[in-house]
Amino acid sequence: MDNSFFEYLQQLELMAFFSGYPLLYAIIVFIAGQTRMKNNFTKRLVSVLPFAYALLGTLYLGYLLKNLYPDYSVKNIKALIQQPYLVAWGLISILFWIPGLAKKKALSLLHSLVFFFLLVRDLFLQLSASSDKSIITNDMNVYTNSILLNLGALALIFLLSFLFPRCKEHIRY
């Protein structure tokens, strides 16, 4: 069987974890940039964005490990991972747990734009061709779920930032 179907499924998995982040990032930075909305709440929300993105990378790693279970051999990894460069790019998001890297919030946005580009590419290719619109439907469903997953990760990290005040020295806002 052609691997393009499995490549598309893996692309949808990656999009489900990472493609909603640019929209969430843009909305939160826009709200935080409004002069009447500048307060500690919005500053803290902006400061935890990269950590929420790192949480998504960690969840994606857990998802990959769950799919590989019980055989973690190189042969099985090669068989299951159809797009190794995209998977590796997605796993790099785990590095945003490092506070020094998390201070550069724009890097998390740039990192996620690769996955947002996959969505835009699919939309452009499907809208320019007069073919079945099921790919657009799939992409929009995955994008909606990605936004919800990103929102949940941000809410969790935001709440944890209040519970662990010792971490405030790493989070500058």
C-alpha atoms as a PDB file:
ATOM      1  CA  MET A   1       0.000   0.000   0.000  1.00  0.00           C
ATOM      2  CA  ASP A   2       1.156   3.528  -0.710  1.00  0.00           C
ATOM      3  CA  ASN A   3       2.624   5.299   2.312  1.00  0.00           C
ATOM      4  CA  SER A   4       1.088   8.657   1.362  1.00  0.00           C
ATOM      5  CA  PHE A   5      -2.027   7.861   3.391  1.00  0.00           C
ATOM      6  CA  PHE A   6       0.033   7.140   6.501  1.00  0.00           C
ATOM      7  CA  GLU A   7       2.128  10.250   5.856  1.00  0.00           C
ATOM      8  CA  TYR A   8      -1.067  12.288   5.707  1.00  0.00           C
ATOM      9  CA  LEU A   9      -2.281  10.749   8.975  1.00  0.00           C
ATOM     10  CA  GLN A  10       1.012  11.570  10.661  1.00  0.00           C
ATOM     11  CA  GLN A  11       0.787  15.100   9.302  1.00  0.00           C
ATOM     12  CA  LEU A  12      -2.690  15.406  10.830  1.00  0.00           C
ATOM     13  CA  GLU A  13      -1.311  14.168  14.162  1.00  0.00           C
ATOM     14  CA  LEU A  14       1.395  16.815  14.120  1.00  0.00           C
ATOM     15  CA  MET A  15      -1.094  19.495  13.120  1.00  0.00           C
ATOM     16  CA  ALA A  16      -3.378  18.408  15.958  1.00  0.00           C
ATOM     17  CA  PHE A  17      -0.682  19.175  18.493  1.00  0.00           C
ATOM     18  CA  PHE A  18       1.032  22.231  17.061  1.00  0.00           C
ATOM     19  CA  SER A  19      -0.920  24.107  14.375  1.00  0.00           C
ATOM     20  CA  GLY A  20      -3.288  25.961  16.712  1.00  0.00           C
ATOM     21  CA  TYR A  21      -0.482  27.664  18.624  1.00  0.00           C
ATOM     22  CA  PRO A  22       0.137  30.598  16.205  1.00  0.00           C
ATOM     23  CA  LEU A  23      -3.476  31.774  16.445  1.00  0.00           C
ATOM     24  CA  LEU A  24      -3.498  31.473  20.229  1.00  0.00           C
ATOM     25  CA  TYR A  25      -0.136  33.264  20.421  1.00  0.00           C
ATOM     26  CA  ALA A  26      -1.359  36.095  18.195  1.00  0.00           C
ATOM     27  CA  ILE A  27      -4.568  36.606  20.159  1.00  0.00           C
ATOM     28  CA  ILE A  28      -2.849  36.634  23.544  1.00  0.00           C
ATOM     29  CA  VAL A  29      -0.023  38.938  22.445  1.00  0.00           C
ATOM     30  CA  PHE A  30      -2.575  41.265  20.825  1.00  0.00           C
ATOM     31  CA  ILE A  31      -4.682  41.389  23.988  1.00  0.00           C
ATOM     32  CA  ALA A  32      -1.604  41.901  26.158  1.00  0.00           C
ATOM     33  CA  GLY A  33      -0.425  44.711  23.897  1.00  0.00           C
ATOM     34  CA  GLN A  34      -3.574  46.778  24.347  1.00  0.00           C
ATOM     35  CA  THR A  35      -2.821  49.734  26.587  1.00  0.00           C
ATOM     36  CA  ARG A  36      -5.948  49.415  28.702  1.00  0.00           C
ATOM     37  CA  MET A  37      -5.332  45.691  29.253  1.00  0.00           C
ATOM     38  CA  LYS A  38      -1.735  45.865  30.493  1.00  0.00           C
ATOM     39  CA  ASN A  39      -1.628  44.218  33.893  1.00  0.00           C
ATOM     40  CA  ASN A  40       0.087  41.330  35.655  1.00  0.00           C
ATOM     41  CA  PHE A  41      -2.527  38.862  34.423  1.00  0.00           C
ATOM     42  CA  THR A  42      -1.812  39.469  30.737  1.00  0.00           C
ATOM     43  CA  LYS A  43       1.940  39.718  31.323  1.00  0.00           C
ATOM     44  CA  ARG A  44       1.944  36.355  33.056  1.00  0.00           C
ATOM     45  CA  LEU A  45      -0.231  34.865  30.323  1.00  0.00           C
ATOM     46  CA  VAL A  46       2.270  35.955  27.678  1.00  0.00           C
ATOM     47  CA  SER A  47       5.213  34.709  29.730  1.00  0.00           C
ATOM     48  CA  VAL A  48       3.850  31.161  30.038  1.00  0.00           C
ATOM     49  CA  LEU A  49       3.103  30.754  26.316  1.00  0.00           C
ATOM     50  CA  PRO A  50       6.396  28.957  25.505  1.00  0.00           C
ATOM     51  CA  PHE A  51       5.915  26.620  28.472  1.00  0.00           C
ATOM     52  CA  ALA A  52       2.464  25.691  27.200  1.00  0.00           C
ATOM     53  CA  TYR A  53       4.042  24.977  23.826  1.00  0.00           C
ATOM     54  CA  ALA A  54       6.658  22.797  25.547  1.00  0.00           C
ATOM     55  CA  LEU A  55       3.838  20.923  27.282  1.00  0.00           C
ATOM     56  CA  LEU A  56       2.336  20.190  23.875  1.00  0.00           C
ATOM     57  CA  GLY A  57       5.685  18.802  22.722  1.00  0.00           C
ATOM     58  CA  THR A  58       5.843  16.624  25.807  1.00  0.00           C
ATOM     59  CA  LEU A  59       2.316  15.363  25.176  1.00  0.00           C
ATOM     60  CA  TYR A  60       3.272  14.603  21.579  1.00  0.00           C
ATOM     61  CA  LEU A  61       6.306  12.626  22.786  1.00  0.00           C
ATOM     62  CA  GLY A  62       4.022  10.649  25.093  1.00  0.00           C
ATOM     63  CA  TYR A  63       1.654  10.014  22.187  1.00  0.00           C
ATOM     64  CA  LEU A  64       4.539   8.705  20.064  1.00  0.00           C
ATOM     65  CA  LEU A  65       5.770   6.472  22.858  1.00  0.00           C
ATOM     66  CA  LYS A  66       2.254   5.117  23.362  1.00  0.00           C
ATOM     67  CA  ASN A  67       2.038   4.233  19.682  1.00  0.00           C
ATOM     68  CA  LEU A  68       5.445   2.543  19.740  1.00  0.00           C
ATOM     69  CA  TYR A  69       4.679   0.450  22.817  1.00  0.00           C
ATOM     70  CA  PRO A  70       5.813  -2.364  23.428  1.00  0.00           C
ATOM     71  CA  ASP A  71       8.445  -2.489  20.677  1.00  0.00           C
ATOM     72  CA  TYR A  72      10.830   0.468  20.889  1.00  0.00           C
ATOM     73  CA  SER A  73      13.283  -0.998  18.398  1.00  0.00           C
ATOM     74  CA  VAL A  74      14.824   1.093  15.636  1.00  0.00           C
ATOM     75  CA  LYS A  75      13.084  -1.089  13.051  1.00  0.00           C
ATOM     76  CA  ASN A  76       9.668  -0.382  14.560  1.00  0.00           C
ATOM     77  CA  ILE A  77      10.415   3.347  14.885  1.00  0.00           C
ATOM     78  CA  LYS A  78      11.402   3.500  11.204  1.00  0.00           C
ATOM     79  CA  ALA A  79       8.242   1.631  10.236  1.00  0.00           C
ATOM     80  CA  LEU A  80       5.888   3.864  12.215  1.00  0.00           C
ATOM     81  CA  ILE A  81       7.419   7.285  11.596  1.00  0.00           C
ATOM     82  CA  GLN A  82       6.620   8.290   8.028  1.00  0.00           C
ATOM     83  CA  GLN A  83       7.848  11.891   8.211  1.00  0.00           C
ATOM     84  CA  PRO A  84      10.918  11.817  10.456  1.00  0.00           C
ATOM     85  CA  TYR A  85      11.935  15.444   9.867  1.00  0.00           C
ATOM     86  CA  LEU A  86       8.535  16.797  10.854  1.00  0.00           C
ATOM     87  CA  VAL A  87       8.388  14.508  13.878  1.00  0.00           C
ATOM     88  CA  ALA A  88      11.866  15.620  14.950  1.00  0.00           C
ATOM     89  CA  TRP A  89      10.841  19.254  14.425  1.00  0.00           C
ATOM     90  CA  GLY A  90       7.797  18.693  16.613  1.00  0.00           C
ATOM     91  CA  LEU A  91       9.891  17.077  19.345  1.00  0.00           C
ATOM     92  CA  ILE A  92      12.249  20.067  19.385  1.00  0.00           C
ATOM     93  CA  SER A  93       9.397  21.967  21.049  1.00  0.00           C
ATOM     94  CA  ILE A  94      10.298  20.147  24.268  1.00  0.00           C
ATOM     95  CA  LEU A  95      13.335  22.423  24.460  1.00  0.00           C
ATOM     96  CA  PHE A  96      11.044  25.312  25.395  1.00  0.00           C
ATOM     97  CA  TRP A  97      11.005  23.908  28.938  1.00  0.00           C
ATOM     98  CA  ILE A  98      14.455  25.489  29.229  1.00  0.00           C
ATOM     99  CA  PRO A  99      13.842  28.902  30.825  1.00  0.00           C
ATOM    100  CA  GLY A 100      16.527  30.645  28.758  1.00  0.00           C
ATOM    101  CA  LEU A 101      14.900  29.495  25.533  1.00  0.00           C
ATOM    102  CA  ALA A 102      11.408  30.214  26.846  1.00  0.00           C
ATOM    103  CA  LYS A 103      12.334  33.866  27.377  1.00  0.00           C
ATOM    104  CA  LYS A 104      12.467  34.229  23.598  1.00  0.00           C
ATOM    105  CA  LYS A 105       8.748  33.824  23.044  1.00  0.00           C
ATOM    106  CA  ALA A 106       8.917  34.575  19.325  1.00  0.00           C
ATOM    107  CA  LEU A 107      10.972  31.416  18.790  1.00  0.00           C
ATOM    108  CA  SER A 108       8.030  29.276  19.870  1.00  0.00           C
ATOM    109  CA  LEU A 109       5.873  31.112  17.342  1.00  0.00           C
ATOM    110  CA  LEU A 110       8.415  30.596  14.571  1.00  0.00           C
ATOM    111  CA  HIS A 111       8.698  26.938  15.485  1.00  0.00           C
ATOM    112  CA  SER A 112       4.955  26.391  15.257  1.00  0.00           C
ATOM    113  CA  LEU A 113       4.579  28.210  11.951  1.00  0.00           C
ATOM    114  CA  VAL A 114       5.957  25.128  10.178  1.00  0.00           C
ATOM    115  CA  PHE A 115       2.861  23.189  11.211  1.00  0.00           C
ATOM    116  CA  PHE A 116       0.550  26.094  10.458  1.00  0.00           C
ATOM    117  CA  PHE A 117       2.098  26.201   6.980  1.00  0.00           C
ATOM    118  CA  LEU A 118       1.013  22.569   6.456  1.00  0.00           C
ATOM    119  CA  LEU A 119      -2.567  23.666   7.078  1.00  0.00           C
ATOM    120  CA  VAL A 120      -2.288  26.644   4.736  1.00  0.00           C
ATOM    121  CA  ARG A 121      -0.665  24.468   2.062  1.00  0.00           C
ATOM    122  CA  ASP A 122      -3.474  21.907   2.214  1.00  0.00           C
ATOM    123  CA  LEU A 123      -6.098  24.648   2.035  1.00  0.00           C
ATOM    124  CA  PHE A 124      -4.426  26.305  -0.930  1.00  0.00           C
ATOM    125  CA  LEU A 125      -3.985  23.029  -2.830  1.00  0.00           C
ATOM    126  CA  GLN A 126      -7.555  21.909  -2.215  1.00  0.00           C
ATOM    127  CA  LEU A 127      -9.171  25.246  -2.985  1.00  0.00           C
ATOM    128  CA  SER A 128      -7.215  25.624  -6.223  1.00  0.00           C
ATOM    129  CA  ALA A 129      -8.190  22.137  -7.391  1.00  0.00           C
ATOM    130  CA  SER A 130     -11.735  21.068  -8.046  1.00  0.00           C
ATOM    131  CA  SER A 131     -11.543  17.866  -6.067  1.00  0.00           C
ATOM    132  CA  ASP A 132     -13.099  16.328  -3.007  1.00  0.00           C
ATOM    133  CA  LYS A 133     -13.230  18.779  -0.107  1.00  0.00           C
ATOM    134  CA  SER A 134     -12.749  16.112   2.573  1.00  0.00           C
ATOM    135  CA  ILE A 135      -9.135  17.183   3.141  1.00  0.00           C
ATOM    136  CA  ILE A 136     -10.302  20.702   3.998  1.00  0.00           C
ATOM    137  CA  THR A 137     -12.902  19.267   6.359  1.00  0.00           C
ATOM    138  CA  ASN A 138     -10.284  17.068   8.042  1.00  0.00           C
ATOM    139  CA  ASP A 139      -7.834  19.944   8.354  1.00  0.00           C
ATOM    140  CA  MET A 140     -10.414  22.292   9.854  1.00  0.00           C
ATOM    141  CA  ASN A 141     -11.542  19.659  12.371  1.00  0.00           C
ATOM    142  CA  VAL A 142      -7.928  18.999  13.352  1.00  0.00           C
ATOM    143  CA  TYR A 143      -7.201  22.740  13.540  1.00  0.00           C
ATOM    144  CA  THR A 144     -10.193  23.334  15.813  1.00  0.00           C
ATOM    145  CA  ASN A 145      -9.095  20.496  18.078  1.00  0.00           C
ATOM    146  CA  SER A 146      -5.553  21.872  18.046  1.00  0.00           C
ATOM    147  CA  ILE A 147      -6.771  25.272  19.200  1.00  0.00           C
ATOM    148  CA  LEU A 148      -8.703  23.617  22.029  1.00  0.00           C
ATOM    149  CA  LEU A 149      -5.693  21.496  23.013  1.00  0.00           C
ATOM    150  CA  ASN A 150      -3.422  24.554  22.968  1.00  0.00           C
ATOM    151  CA  LEU A 151      -5.945  26.502  25.049  1.00  0.00           C
ATOM    152  CA  GLY A 152      -6.114  23.671  27.575  1.00  0.00           C
ATOM    153  CA  ALA A 153      -2.319  23.449  27.799  1.00  0.00           C
ATOM    154  CA  LEU A 154      -2.079  27.209  28.280  1.00  0.00           C
ATOM    155  CA  ALA A 155      -4.742  27.152  30.992  1.00  0.00           C
ATOM    156  CA  LEU A 156      -2.969  24.323  32.812  1.00  0.00           C
ATOM    157  CA  ILE A 157       0.445  25.991  32.700  1.00  0.00           C
ATOM    158  CA  PHE A 158      -1.104  29.331  33.688  1.00  0.00           C
ATOM    159  CA  LEU A 159      -2.759  27.777  36.736  1.00  0.00           C
ATOM    160  CA  LEU A 160       0.426  25.924  37.661  1.00  0.00           C
ATOM    161  CA  SER A 161       2.330  29.210  37.528  1.00  0.00           C
ATOM    162  CA  PHE A 162       0.199  30.383  40.464  1.00  0.00           C
ATOM    163  CA  LEU A 163       0.664  27.157  42.406  1.00  0.00           C
ATOM    164  CA  PHE A 164       4.445  27.136  42.205  1.00  0.00           C
ATOM    165  CA  PRO A 165       5.656  30.584  43.206  1.00  0.00           C
ATOM    166  CA  ARG A 166       9.285  29.389  43.264  1.00  0.00           C
ATOM    167  CA  CYS A 167       9.178  29.234  39.482  1.00  0.00           C
ATOM    168  CA  LYS A 168       8.494  32.979  39.300  1.00  0.00           C
ATOM    169  CA  GLU A 169      12.206  33.691  39.218  1.00  0.00           C
ATOM    170  CA  HIS A 170      12.414  31.791  35.914  1.00  0.00           C
ATOM    171  CA  ILE A 171       9.314  33.400  34.438  1.00  0.00           C
ATOM    172  CA  ARG A 172       9.875  37.074  33.799  1.00  0.00           C
ATOM    173  CA  TYR A 173       6.917  39.213  32.865  1.00  0.00           C
END
